[in-house]
Protein backbone atom coordinates (compact mmCIF):
# COMPACT_ATOMS: atom_id res chain seq x y z
CA UNK A 1 293.67 202.64 88.04
CA UNK A 2 296.27 199.75 86.96
CA UNK A 3 299.10 200.00 84.97
CA UNK A 4 300.92 196.68 85.27
CA UNK A 5 299.17 194.04 82.53
CA UNK A 6 300.11 190.62 82.28
CA UNK A 7 300.89 188.57 79.38
CA UNK A 8 297.76 186.74 78.97
CA UNK A 9 295.98 190.13 79.50
CA UNK A 10 297.74 191.86 76.61
CA UNK A 11 297.31 188.50 74.45
CA UNK A 12 293.63 189.01 75.36
CA UNK A 13 293.69 192.28 74.45
CA UNK A 14 294.36 191.33 70.70
CA UNK A 15 291.88 188.68 70.96
CA UNK A 16 289.42 191.43 71.67
CA UNK A 17 290.86 193.86 68.51
CA UNK A 18 290.92 190.51 65.95
CA UNK A 19 286.93 189.75 67.38
CA UNK A 20 285.52 191.61 64.36
CA UNK A 21 287.40 190.75 61.29
CA UNK A 22 287.13 187.43 61.97
CA UNK A 23 283.50 187.82 63.02
CA UNK A 24 283.15 189.30 59.29
CA UNK A 25 284.94 186.50 57.53
CA UNK A 26 283.06 184.04 59.30
CA UNK A 27 279.60 185.65 58.52
CA UNK A 28 280.68 186.89 55.20
CA UNK A 29 282.68 184.73 54.07
CA UNK A 30 285.45 187.70 53.33
CA UNK A 31 286.94 190.45 55.55
CA UNK A 32 286.28 194.20 54.84
CA UNK A 33 288.41 197.19 55.63
CA UNK A 34 286.36 198.32 58.32
CA UNK A 35 289.11 196.71 60.98
CA UNK A 36 291.58 198.74 60.07
CA UNK A 37 292.51 200.17 63.18
CA UNK A 38 291.68 197.24 65.02
CA UNK A 39 294.16 195.45 63.51
CA UNK A 40 296.46 198.36 64.36
CA UNK A 41 296.24 198.33 67.76
CA UNK A 42 296.42 194.65 67.32
CA UNK A 43 299.81 194.51 65.71
CA UNK A 44 301.30 197.40 68.39
CA UNK A 45 300.39 195.64 71.15
CA UNK A 46 302.14 192.53 69.96
CA UNK A 47 305.26 194.64 68.61
CA UNK A 48 305.16 196.31 72.61
CA UNK A 49 305.33 192.80 73.84
CA UNK A 50 308.35 191.58 71.58
CA UNK A 51 310.87 194.85 71.68
CA UNK A 52 309.36 196.57 74.73
CA UNK A 53 308.29 193.66 77.55
CA UNK A 54 310.44 190.85 76.56
CA UNK A 55 307.20 188.30 76.32
CA UNK A 56 308.11 186.56 72.88
CA UNK A 57 310.94 183.44 72.11
CA UNK A 58 312.93 186.17 71.94
CA UNK A 59 313.48 186.71 75.32
CA UNK A 60 313.61 188.94 78.06
CA UNK A 61 315.28 191.59 75.13
CA UNK A 62 314.73 195.34 75.24
CA UNK A 63 314.93 196.51 71.54
CA UNK A 64 314.38 200.22 71.39
CA UNK A 65 310.96 200.89 70.34
CA UNK A 66 310.98 204.79 69.42
CA UNK A 67 311.15 204.29 65.18
CA UNK A 68 312.57 207.85 64.78
CA UNK A 69 311.02 210.95 63.31
CA UNK A 70 308.78 210.23 60.46
CA UNK A 71 310.45 213.00 58.52
CA UNK A 72 313.90 212.04 58.74
CA UNK A 73 313.06 208.59 57.23
CA UNK A 74 312.32 207.20 60.46
CA UNK A 75 316.05 208.13 61.62
CA UNK A 76 316.03 210.03 64.97
CA UNK A 77 318.98 212.52 65.09
CA UNK A 78 318.84 212.10 69.04
CA UNK A 79 319.07 208.04 69.28
CA UNK A 80 321.28 207.83 66.74
CA UNK A 81 320.86 204.37 64.56
CA UNK A 82 319.24 201.64 65.26
CA UNK A 83 320.29 199.08 68.12
CA UNK A 84 319.84 196.02 66.53
CA UNK A 85 320.85 194.16 63.19
CA UNK A 86 318.42 193.11 60.06
CA UNK A 87 318.56 189.42 61.36
CA UNK A 88 316.46 190.22 64.63
CA UNK A 89 315.01 193.24 63.11
CA UNK A 90 313.45 189.91 60.71
CA UNK A 91 313.05 187.73 64.20
CA UNK A 92 311.07 190.43 65.26
CA UNK A 93 308.60 190.91 62.87
CA UNK A 94 307.88 186.83 62.74
CA UNK A 95 307.48 187.34 66.83
CA UNK A 96 305.12 190.20 66.05
CA UNK A 97 303.47 187.30 63.46
CA UNK A 98 303.27 184.81 65.07
CA UNK A 99 301.55 186.68 68.25
CA UNK A 100 298.90 188.19 66.02
CA UNK A 101 298.42 184.08 63.98
CA UNK A 102 298.01 182.72 67.29
CA UNK A 103 295.39 185.22 68.53
CA UNK A 104 293.72 184.76 65.02
CA UNK A 105 293.76 180.93 64.99
CA UNK A 106 292.04 180.61 68.88
CA UNK A 107 289.44 183.93 68.07
CA UNK A 108 288.64 182.06 64.61
CA UNK A 109 287.84 178.89 66.90
CA UNK A 110 285.82 180.44 70.11
CA UNK A 111 283.68 182.24 67.24
CA UNK A 112 283.15 179.19 65.37
CA UNK A 113 282.82 177.45 68.46
CA UNK A 114 280.27 179.30 70.19
CA UNK A 115 278.54 180.81 66.45
CA UNK A 116 274.67 180.71 67.45
CA UNK A 117 275.78 183.29 70.40
CA UNK A 118 277.73 185.28 67.64
CA UNK A 119 274.54 185.35 65.53
CA UNK A 120 272.14 186.03 68.43
CA UNK A 121 274.09 188.78 69.82
CA UNK A 122 274.63 190.14 65.66
CA UNK A 123 270.70 190.15 65.13
CA UNK A 124 269.96 191.30 68.75
CA UNK A 125 272.18 194.46 67.89
CA UNK A 126 270.44 195.20 64.54
CA UNK A 127 267.70 195.23 66.35
CA UNK A 128 268.28 197.48 69.32
CA UNK A 129 271.91 198.99 68.42
CA UNK A 130 272.98 198.92 72.17
CA UNK A 131 272.53 195.96 74.62
CA UNK A 132 274.27 196.23 78.02
CA UNK A 133 276.38 193.81 80.03
CA UNK A 134 273.54 191.82 81.70
CA UNK A 135 271.79 191.48 78.41
CA UNK A 136 275.36 190.61 76.52
CA UNK A 137 275.31 187.67 79.13
CA UNK A 138 272.14 186.86 79.00
CA UNK A 139 272.64 186.32 75.37
CA UNK A 140 275.52 184.59 75.15
CA UNK A 141 274.75 181.94 78.37
CA UNK A 142 271.68 181.03 76.67
CA UNK A 143 273.41 180.11 72.92
CA UNK A 144 276.11 178.47 74.15
CA UNK A 145 275.91 175.76 77.29
CA UNK A 146 279.94 175.12 76.35
CA UNK A 147 282.77 175.79 79.02
CA UNK A 148 282.53 179.53 79.78
CA UNK A 149 286.19 181.28 78.94
CA UNK A 150 287.22 183.01 82.36
CA UNK A 151 289.56 185.66 80.96
CA UNK A 152 293.27 186.23 82.48
CA UNK A 153 292.23 184.48 85.27
CA UNK A 154 295.68 182.32 84.98
CA UNK A 155 297.74 185.25 85.88
CA UNK A 156 294.77 185.59 89.11
CA UNK A 157 295.48 181.99 90.07
CA UNK A 158 299.26 182.07 89.61
CA UNK A 159 299.52 185.26 92.09
CA UNK A 160 297.52 183.38 94.58
CA UNK A 161 299.12 179.71 94.18
CA UNK A 162 302.17 178.43 96.54
CA UNK A 163 305.32 178.26 95.07
CA UNK A 164 305.37 175.09 95.77
CA UNK A 165 302.10 174.09 94.19
CA UNK A 166 301.73 173.07 90.54
CA UNK A 167 300.27 175.45 87.98
CA UNK A 168 296.39 174.92 86.79
CA UNK A 169 294.76 176.34 83.80
CA UNK A 170 291.59 177.50 84.62
CA UNK A 171 290.74 179.46 81.66
CA UNK A 172 287.71 177.35 81.05
CA UNK A 173 285.61 176.24 83.54
CA UNK A 174 282.52 173.22 82.97
CA UNK A 175 278.98 174.63 83.14
CA UNK A 176 277.10 172.87 86.08
């Protein structure tokens, strides 16, 4: 079991959470309220990236993530007042929004570029209700011949790369 996650992995998790609502937007032209828990999870991940993990423009700073008691108006009598200013709180909110908005843009592009695959998977799910990983891979590969995305591969390559070698982006690989 793994407990450590890279920034790329967390960003990928946010994108997965946003996939359903973007698929609705592309297919139906509007969104519904069914993605509420996914949006909540995406925002929670982004908030932790900014406030706890130091994975934002604000730097490697820990901002206390304890919201306090919901019964005392967010005040936790054991923790004391919030440890950062209103201005910092605004910056935190803007960073969270930026992470989520950037992910939304990327997911929108991926699903738009791969719309035929999206529609093929949706059609198959309507026929069969569930599909396994092998069938999903076959559907995706047969409906999109462009470059394949390789999730979180940048972090793996970075770990294997000698220190003096320049980083390279391997998130997209060409299909032979």
